[in-house]
Amino acid sequence: MKRVYFLLAVAAFGINTFGQKTIDQKVSELLSKMTLEEKVGQLVQYSGFEYATGPQNSNSASVLNEIKQGKVGSMLNVAGAEETRKFQELALKSRLRIPLLFGQDVIHGYRTTFPVNLGQAASWDLKLIEKSERIAATEASAYGIHWTFAPMVDIARDPRWGRVMEGSGEDTYLGTQIGLARIRGFQGKGLGN
């Protein structure tokens, strides 16, 4: 009976019985080590060297220095594994070695361009839609992208919305099925698949 109570306590408090820290423990530990400046830095996002969501700075040497100091959390529109690797190596020189996230719009393909989502939805071919997203995810990953702004799952009922073609139409059932197919395609069967 004592063993059952111990196992319940382990499950309730997220304690890893093998002496390894849980994700929550690792995150809490990392946050406790971060300065306020480093925490704010994780909110800074550059688009290449041109635009930032944080402090504006178009000087590329300054941006590289900010990355090295752990004052940048993510970058958009950096293409290619070689480029992302250069930035990642700089980020790993920071005090806490927090890697950068690289994001890109991958709405209807990455290197291989597929029909816009509204056009794909007209096919009603869920397997083919899933396959197109798997291809897009594989290509984006090979180019160093690990954060895609997709799948787009908005239900569009007003044609005046300028990005209506990025959704799968106005039908909620079809939109849901296509959204699920896209998610399966992006995620694959697990890491590395």
C-alpha atoms as a PDB file:
ATOM      1  CA  MET A   1       0.000   0.000   0.000  1.00  0.00           C
ATOM      2  CA  LYS A   2       2.893   2.361   0.762  1.00  0.00           C
ATOM      3  CA  ARG A   3       4.189   1.744  -2.744  1.00  0.00           C
ATOM      4  CA  VAL A   4       0.834   2.805  -4.244  1.00  0.00           C
ATOM      5  CA  TYR A   5       0.874   6.058  -2.229  1.00  0.00           C
ATOM      6  CA  PHE A   6       4.463   6.701  -3.325  1.00  0.00           C
ATOM      7  CA  LEU A   7       3.556   6.152  -6.987  1.00  0.00           C
ATOM      8  CA  LEU A   8       0.538   8.446  -6.647  1.00  0.00           C
ATOM      9  CA  ALA A   9       2.755  11.132  -5.091  1.00  0.00           C
ATOM     10  CA  VAL A  10       5.274  10.731  -7.896  1.00  0.00           C
ATOM     11  CA  ALA A  11       2.522  11.108 -10.502  1.00  0.00           C
ATOM     12  CA  ALA A  12       0.880  14.044  -8.710  1.00  0.00           C
ATOM     13  CA  PHE A  13       4.050  16.059  -8.254  1.00  0.00           C
ATOM     14  CA  GLY A  14       5.709  15.212 -11.573  1.00  0.00           C
ATOM     15  CA  ILE A  15       8.738  13.665  -9.912  1.00  0.00           C
ATOM     16  CA  ASN A  16      10.809  11.512 -12.210  1.00  0.00           C
ATOM     17  CA  THR A  17      11.750   8.361 -10.301  1.00  0.00           C
ATOM     18  CA  PHE A  18      14.896   7.934 -12.372  1.00  0.00           C
ATOM     19  CA  GLY A  19      16.439  11.121 -10.999  1.00  0.00           C
ATOM     20  CA  GLN A  20      15.909  13.111 -14.202  1.00  0.00           C
ATOM     21  CA  LYS A  21      14.263  16.503 -14.127  1.00  0.00           C
ATOM     22  CA  THR A  22      10.840  16.980 -15.686  1.00  0.00           C
ATOM     23  CA  ILE A  23      10.321  19.613 -18.375  1.00  0.00           C
ATOM     24  CA  ASP A  24       8.563  21.872 -15.840  1.00  0.00           C
ATOM     25  CA  GLN A  25      11.528  21.587 -13.508  1.00  0.00           C
ATOM     26  CA  LYS A  26      13.982  22.388 -16.306  1.00  0.00           C
ATOM     27  CA  VAL A  27      11.946  25.417 -17.396  1.00  0.00           C
ATOM     28  CA  SER A  28      11.643  26.723 -13.838  1.00  0.00           C
ATOM     29  CA  GLU A  29      15.362  26.269 -13.287  1.00  0.00           C
ATOM     30  CA  LEU A  30      16.213  28.075 -16.526  1.00  0.00           C
ATOM     31  CA  LEU A  31      13.836  30.961 -15.770  1.00  0.00           C
ATOM     32  CA  SER A  32      15.343  31.374 -12.301  1.00  0.00           C
ATOM     33  CA  LYS A  33      18.801  31.784 -13.897  1.00  0.00           C
ATOM     34  CA  MET A  34      17.663  34.363 -16.466  1.00  0.00           C
ATOM     35  CA  THR A  35      18.062  38.085 -15.938  1.00  0.00           C
ATOM     36  CA  LEU A  36      15.152  40.370 -16.779  1.00  0.00           C
ATOM     37  CA  GLU A  37      17.096  41.550 -19.836  1.00  0.00           C
ATOM     38  CA  GLU A  38      17.488  37.948 -21.052  1.00  0.00           C
ATOM     39  CA  LYS A  39      13.790  37.245 -20.533  1.00  0.00           C
ATOM     40  CA  VAL A  40      12.814  40.327 -22.519  1.00  0.00           C
ATOM     41  CA  GLY A  41      15.397  39.365 -25.144  1.00  0.00           C
ATOM     42  CA  GLN A  42      13.560  36.113 -25.757  1.00  0.00           C
ATOM     43  CA  LEU A  43      10.628  38.236 -26.979  1.00  0.00           C
ATOM     44  CA  VAL A  44      12.760  39.976 -29.632  1.00  0.00           C
ATOM     45  CA  GLN A  45      12.261  38.656 -33.129  1.00  0.00           C
ATOM     46  CA  TYR A  46      14.213  39.754 -36.198  1.00  0.00           C
ATOM     47  CA  SER A  47      13.233  39.257 -39.796  1.00  0.00           C
ATOM     48  CA  GLY A  48      16.642  38.674 -41.284  1.00  0.00           C
ATOM     49  CA  PHE A  49      18.503  41.865 -40.406  1.00  0.00           C
ATOM     50  CA  GLU A  50      15.786  44.269 -41.419  1.00  0.00           C
ATOM     51  CA  TYR A  51      12.931  44.401 -38.901  1.00  0.00           C
ATOM     52  CA  ALA A  52      12.492  43.617 -35.230  1.00  0.00           C
ATOM     53  CA  THR A  53       9.503  43.250 -32.931  1.00  0.00           C
ATOM     54  CA  GLY A  54      11.719  44.584 -30.156  1.00  0.00           C
ATOM     55  CA  PRO A  55      14.228  47.413 -30.335  1.00  0.00           C
ATOM     56  CA  GLN A  56      14.764  48.677 -33.898  1.00  0.00           C
ATOM     57  CA  ASN A  57      18.296  48.115 -35.065  1.00  0.00           C
ATOM     58  CA  SER A  58      19.314  47.690 -38.681  1.00  0.00           C
ATOM     59  CA  ASN A  59      23.041  47.324 -37.907  1.00  0.00           C
ATOM     60  CA  SER A  60      23.808  43.658 -38.651  1.00  0.00           C
ATOM     61  CA  ALA A  61      26.884  43.635 -36.368  1.00  0.00           C
ATOM     62  CA  SER A  62      24.691  44.825 -33.521  1.00  0.00           C
ATOM     63  CA  VAL A  63      22.088  42.133 -34.241  1.00  0.00           C
ATOM     64  CA  LEU A  64      24.779  39.455 -34.213  1.00  0.00           C
ATOM     65  CA  ASN A  65      26.025  40.795 -30.885  1.00  0.00           C
ATOM     66  CA  GLU A  66      22.485  40.729 -29.448  1.00  0.00           C
ATOM     67  CA  ILE A  67      22.148  37.091 -30.522  1.00  0.00           C
ATOM     68  CA  LYS A  68      25.476  36.259 -28.884  1.00  0.00           C
ATOM     69  CA  GLN A  69      24.262  37.897 -25.649  1.00  0.00           C
ATOM     70  CA  GLY A  70      21.000  35.906 -25.614  1.00  0.00           C
ATOM     71  CA  LYS A  71      18.891  38.980 -26.371  1.00  0.00           C
ATOM     72  CA  VAL A  72      17.073  37.515 -29.396  1.00  0.00           C
ATOM     73  CA  GLY A  73      14.559  34.679 -29.209  1.00  0.00           C
ATOM     74  CA  SER A  74      13.589  34.057 -32.807  1.00  0.00           C
ATOM     75  CA  MET A  75      14.178  34.995 -36.415  1.00  0.00           C
ATOM     76  CA  LEU A  76      11.963  34.990 -39.471  1.00  0.00           C
ATOM     77  CA  ASN A  77      12.846  34.726 -43.143  1.00  0.00           C
ATOM     78  CA  VAL A  78      16.298  33.226 -42.675  1.00  0.00           C
ATOM     79  CA  ALA A  79      16.609  30.679 -45.455  1.00  0.00           C
ATOM     80  CA  GLY A  80      18.798  27.627 -45.575  1.00  0.00           C
ATOM     81  CA  ALA A  81      20.340  25.289 -43.061  1.00  0.00           C
ATOM     82  CA  GLU A  82      23.741  26.924 -43.521  1.00  0.00           C
ATOM     83  CA  GLU A  83      22.353  30.362 -42.618  1.00  0.00           C
ATOM     84  CA  THR A  84      20.293  29.143 -39.665  1.00  0.00           C
ATOM     85  CA  ARG A  85      23.287  27.197 -38.386  1.00  0.00           C
ATOM     86  CA  LYS A  86      25.457  30.356 -38.362  1.00  0.00           C
ATOM     87  CA  PHE A  87      22.894  32.182 -36.247  1.00  0.00           C
ATOM     88  CA  GLN A  88      22.375  29.137 -34.023  1.00  0.00           C
ATOM     89  CA  GLU A  89      26.104  28.854 -33.326  1.00  0.00           C
ATOM     90  CA  LEU A  90      26.087  32.481 -32.167  1.00  0.00           C
ATOM     91  CA  ALA A  91      23.062  31.900 -29.929  1.00  0.00           C
ATOM     92  CA  LEU A  92      24.797  28.940 -28.306  1.00  0.00           C
ATOM     93  CA  LYS A  93      27.647  31.248 -27.271  1.00  0.00           C
ATOM     94  CA  SER A  94      25.245  33.116 -24.988  1.00  0.00           C
ATOM     95  CA  ARG A  95      25.477  32.691 -21.235  1.00  0.00           C
ATOM     96  CA  LEU A  96      22.548  30.259 -21.001  1.00  0.00           C
ATOM     97  CA  ARG A  97      22.948  28.708 -24.476  1.00  0.00           C
ATOM     98  CA  ILE A  98      19.280  29.142 -25.427  1.00  0.00           C
ATOM     99  CA  PRO A  99      18.816  28.250 -29.119  1.00  0.00           C
ATOM    100  CA  LEU A 100      16.918  30.478 -31.548  1.00  0.00           C
ATOM    101  CA  LEU A 101      13.611  29.568 -33.146  1.00  0.00           C
ATOM    102  CA  PHE A 102      13.470  30.032 -36.924  1.00  0.00           C
ATOM    103  CA  GLY A 103      10.058  30.682 -38.439  1.00  0.00           C
ATOM    104  CA  GLN A 104       8.668  30.993 -41.927  1.00  0.00           C
ATOM    105  CA  ASP A 105       5.313  31.243 -43.687  1.00  0.00           C
ATOM    106  CA  VAL A 106       4.721  27.769 -45.084  1.00  0.00           C
ATOM    107  CA  ILE A 107       1.078  28.211 -46.008  1.00  0.00           C
ATOM    108  CA  HIS A 108       1.025  26.145 -49.223  1.00  0.00           C
ATOM    109  CA  GLY A 109       4.446  24.596 -49.532  1.00  0.00           C
ATOM    110  CA  TYR A 110       8.027  25.563 -48.887  1.00  0.00           C
ATOM    111  CA  ARG A 111      10.330  24.783 -51.834  1.00  0.00           C
ATOM    112  CA  THR A 112       7.628  22.841 -53.660  1.00  0.00           C
ATOM    113  CA  THR A 113       4.628  25.113 -54.179  1.00  0.00           C
ATOM    114  CA  PHE A 114       1.194  23.529 -53.940  1.00  0.00           C
ATOM    115  CA  PRO A 115      -2.170  25.050 -54.882  1.00  0.00           C
ATOM    116  CA  VAL A 116      -3.515  27.593 -52.391  1.00  0.00           C
ATOM    117  CA  ASN A 117      -5.478  26.056 -49.535  1.00  0.00           C
ATOM    118  CA  LEU A 118      -8.855  27.022 -50.971  1.00  0.00           C
ATOM    119  CA  GLY A 119      -7.936  25.244 -54.215  1.00  0.00           C
ATOM    120  CA  GLN A 120      -6.792  22.144 -52.322  1.00  0.00           C
ATOM    121  CA  ALA A 121     -10.033  22.155 -50.330  1.00  0.00           C
ATOM    122  CA  ALA A 122     -12.009  21.993 -53.588  1.00  0.00           C
ATOM    123  CA  SER A 123     -10.415  18.602 -54.239  1.00  0.00           C
ATOM    124  CA  TRP A 124     -11.791  17.044 -51.029  1.00  0.00           C
ATOM    125  CA  ASP A 125      -8.713  14.782 -51.166  1.00  0.00           C
ATOM    126  CA  LEU A 126      -7.633  14.648 -47.507  1.00  0.00           C
ATOM    127  CA  LYS A 127      -4.813  12.135 -48.114  1.00  0.00           C
ATOM    128  CA  LEU A 128      -3.292  14.310 -50.826  1.00  0.00           C
ATOM    129  CA  ILE A 129      -3.615  17.435 -48.638  1.00  0.00           C
ATOM    130  CA  GLU A 130      -1.892  15.585 -45.780  1.00  0.00           C
ATOM    131  CA  LYS A 131       0.864  14.487 -48.167  1.00  0.00           C
ATOM    132  CA  SER A 132       1.410  18.067 -49.403  1.00  0.00           C
ATOM    133  CA  GLU A 133       1.895  19.269 -45.814  1.00  0.00           C
ATOM    134  CA  ARG A 134       4.291  16.401 -45.093  1.00  0.00           C
ATOM    135  CA  ILE A 135       6.372  17.463 -48.077  1.00  0.00           C
ATOM    136  CA  ALA A 136       6.282  21.115 -46.945  1.00  0.00           C
ATOM    137  CA  ALA A 137       7.296  20.168 -43.387  1.00  0.00           C
ATOM    138  CA  THR A 138      10.148  17.956 -44.597  1.00  0.00           C
ATOM    139  CA  GLU A 139      11.473  20.669 -46.899  1.00  0.00           C
ATOM    140  CA  ALA A 140      11.174  23.440 -44.305  1.00  0.00           C
ATOM    141  CA  SER A 141      12.896  21.297 -41.687  1.00  0.00           C
ATOM    142  CA  ALA A 142      15.745  20.490 -44.080  1.00  0.00           C
ATOM    143  CA  TYR A 143      16.267  24.243 -44.532  1.00  0.00           C
ATOM    144  CA  GLY A 144      16.524  24.845 -40.777  1.00  0.00           C
ATOM    145  CA  ILE A 145      12.950  26.031 -40.162  1.00  0.00           C
ATOM    146  CA  HIS A 146      11.266  24.630 -37.064  1.00  0.00           C
ATOM    147  CA  TRP A 147       8.300  26.971 -36.719  1.00  0.00           C
ATOM    148  CA  THR A 148       5.777  27.305 -39.523  1.00  0.00           C
ATOM    149  CA  PHE A 149       2.844  29.693 -39.601  1.00  0.00           C
ATOM    150  CA  ALA A 150       0.599  26.929 -40.797  1.00  0.00           C
ATOM    151  CA  PRO A 151      -1.717  25.205 -41.066  1.00  0.00           C
ATOM    152  CA  MET A 152      -4.163  27.976 -41.708  1.00  0.00           C
ATOM    153  CA  VAL A 153      -7.510  26.806 -40.326  1.00  0.00           C
ATOM    154  CA  ASP A 154      -9.670  29.940 -40.465  1.00  0.00           C
ATOM    155  CA  ILE A 155     -13.230  29.482 -41.672  1.00  0.00           C
ATOM    156  CA  ALA A 156     -13.705  32.186 -44.304  1.00  0.00           C
ATOM    157  CA  ARG A 157     -17.217  33.445 -44.906  1.00  0.00           C
ATOM    158  CA  ASP A 158     -16.489  36.981 -46.046  1.00  0.00           C
ATOM    159  CA  PRO A 159     -14.787  37.293 -49.450  1.00  0.00           C
ATOM    160  CA  ARG A 160     -13.697  40.851 -48.580  1.00  0.00           C
ATOM    161  CA  TRP A 161     -11.074  39.351 -46.260  1.00  0.00           C
ATOM    162  CA  GLY A 162      -7.893  39.637 -48.303  1.00  0.00           C
ATOM    163  CA  ARG A 163      -6.446  36.270 -47.256  1.00  0.00           C
ATOM    164  CA  VAL A 164      -9.555  34.133 -47.832  1.00  0.00           C
ATOM    165  CA  MET A 165      -7.639  31.761 -50.134  1.00  0.00           C
ATOM    166  CA  GLU A 166      -5.384  30.699 -47.235  1.00  0.00           C
ATOM    167  CA  GLY A 167      -8.336  28.985 -45.518  1.00  0.00           C
ATOM    168  CA  SER A 168     -10.260  25.940 -46.634  1.00  0.00           C
ATOM    169  CA  GLY A 169     -13.566  27.661 -47.335  1.00  0.00           C
ATOM    170  CA  GLU A 170     -16.694  28.316 -45.337  1.00  0.00           C
ATOM    171  CA  ASP A 171     -17.796  24.804 -44.394  1.00  0.00           C
ATOM    172  CA  THR A 172     -16.839  24.005 -40.790  1.00  0.00           C
ATOM    173  CA  TYR A 173     -16.930  20.221 -41.253  1.00  0.00           C
ATOM    174  CA  LEU A 174     -14.688  20.230 -44.321  1.00  0.00           C
ATOM    175  CA  GLY A 175     -12.453  22.885 -42.752  1.00  0.00           C
ATOM    176  CA  THR A 176     -12.031  20.743 -39.636  1.00  0.00           C
ATOM    177  CA  GLN A 177     -11.195  17.598 -41.621  1.00  0.00           C
ATOM    178  CA  ILE A 178      -8.682  19.490 -43.748  1.00  0.00           C
ATOM    179  CA  GLY A 179      -7.174  21.113 -40.643  1.00  0.00           C
ATOM    180  CA  LEU A 180      -6.678  17.681 -39.074  1.00  0.00           C
ATOM    181  CA  ALA A 181      -5.109  16.343 -42.288  1.00  0.00           C
ATOM    182  CA  ARG A 182      -2.756  19.331 -42.426  1.00  0.00           C
ATOM    183  CA  ILE A 183      -1.736  18.876 -38.775  1.00  0.00           C
ATOM    184  CA  ARG A 184      -1.024  15.172 -39.349  1.00  0.00           C
ATOM    185  CA  GLY A 185       1.023  16.122 -42.393  1.00  0.00           C
ATOM    186  CA  PHE A 186       3.070  18.735 -40.541  1.00  0.00           C
ATOM    187  CA  GLN A 187       3.649  16.620 -37.459  1.00  0.00           C
ATOM    188  CA  GLY A 188       4.311  13.301 -39.145  1.00  0.00           C
ATOM    189  CA  LYS A 189       4.466  10.232 -36.947  1.00  0.00           C
ATOM    190  CA  GLY A 190       6.915  11.791 -34.482  1.00  0.00           C
ATOM    191  CA  LEU A 191      10.311  13.426 -34.412  1.00  0.00           C
ATOM    192  CA  GLY A 192      12.346  12.448 -37.442  1.00  0.00           C
ATOM    193  CA  ASN A 193       9.404  10.890 -39.334  1.00  0.00           C
END
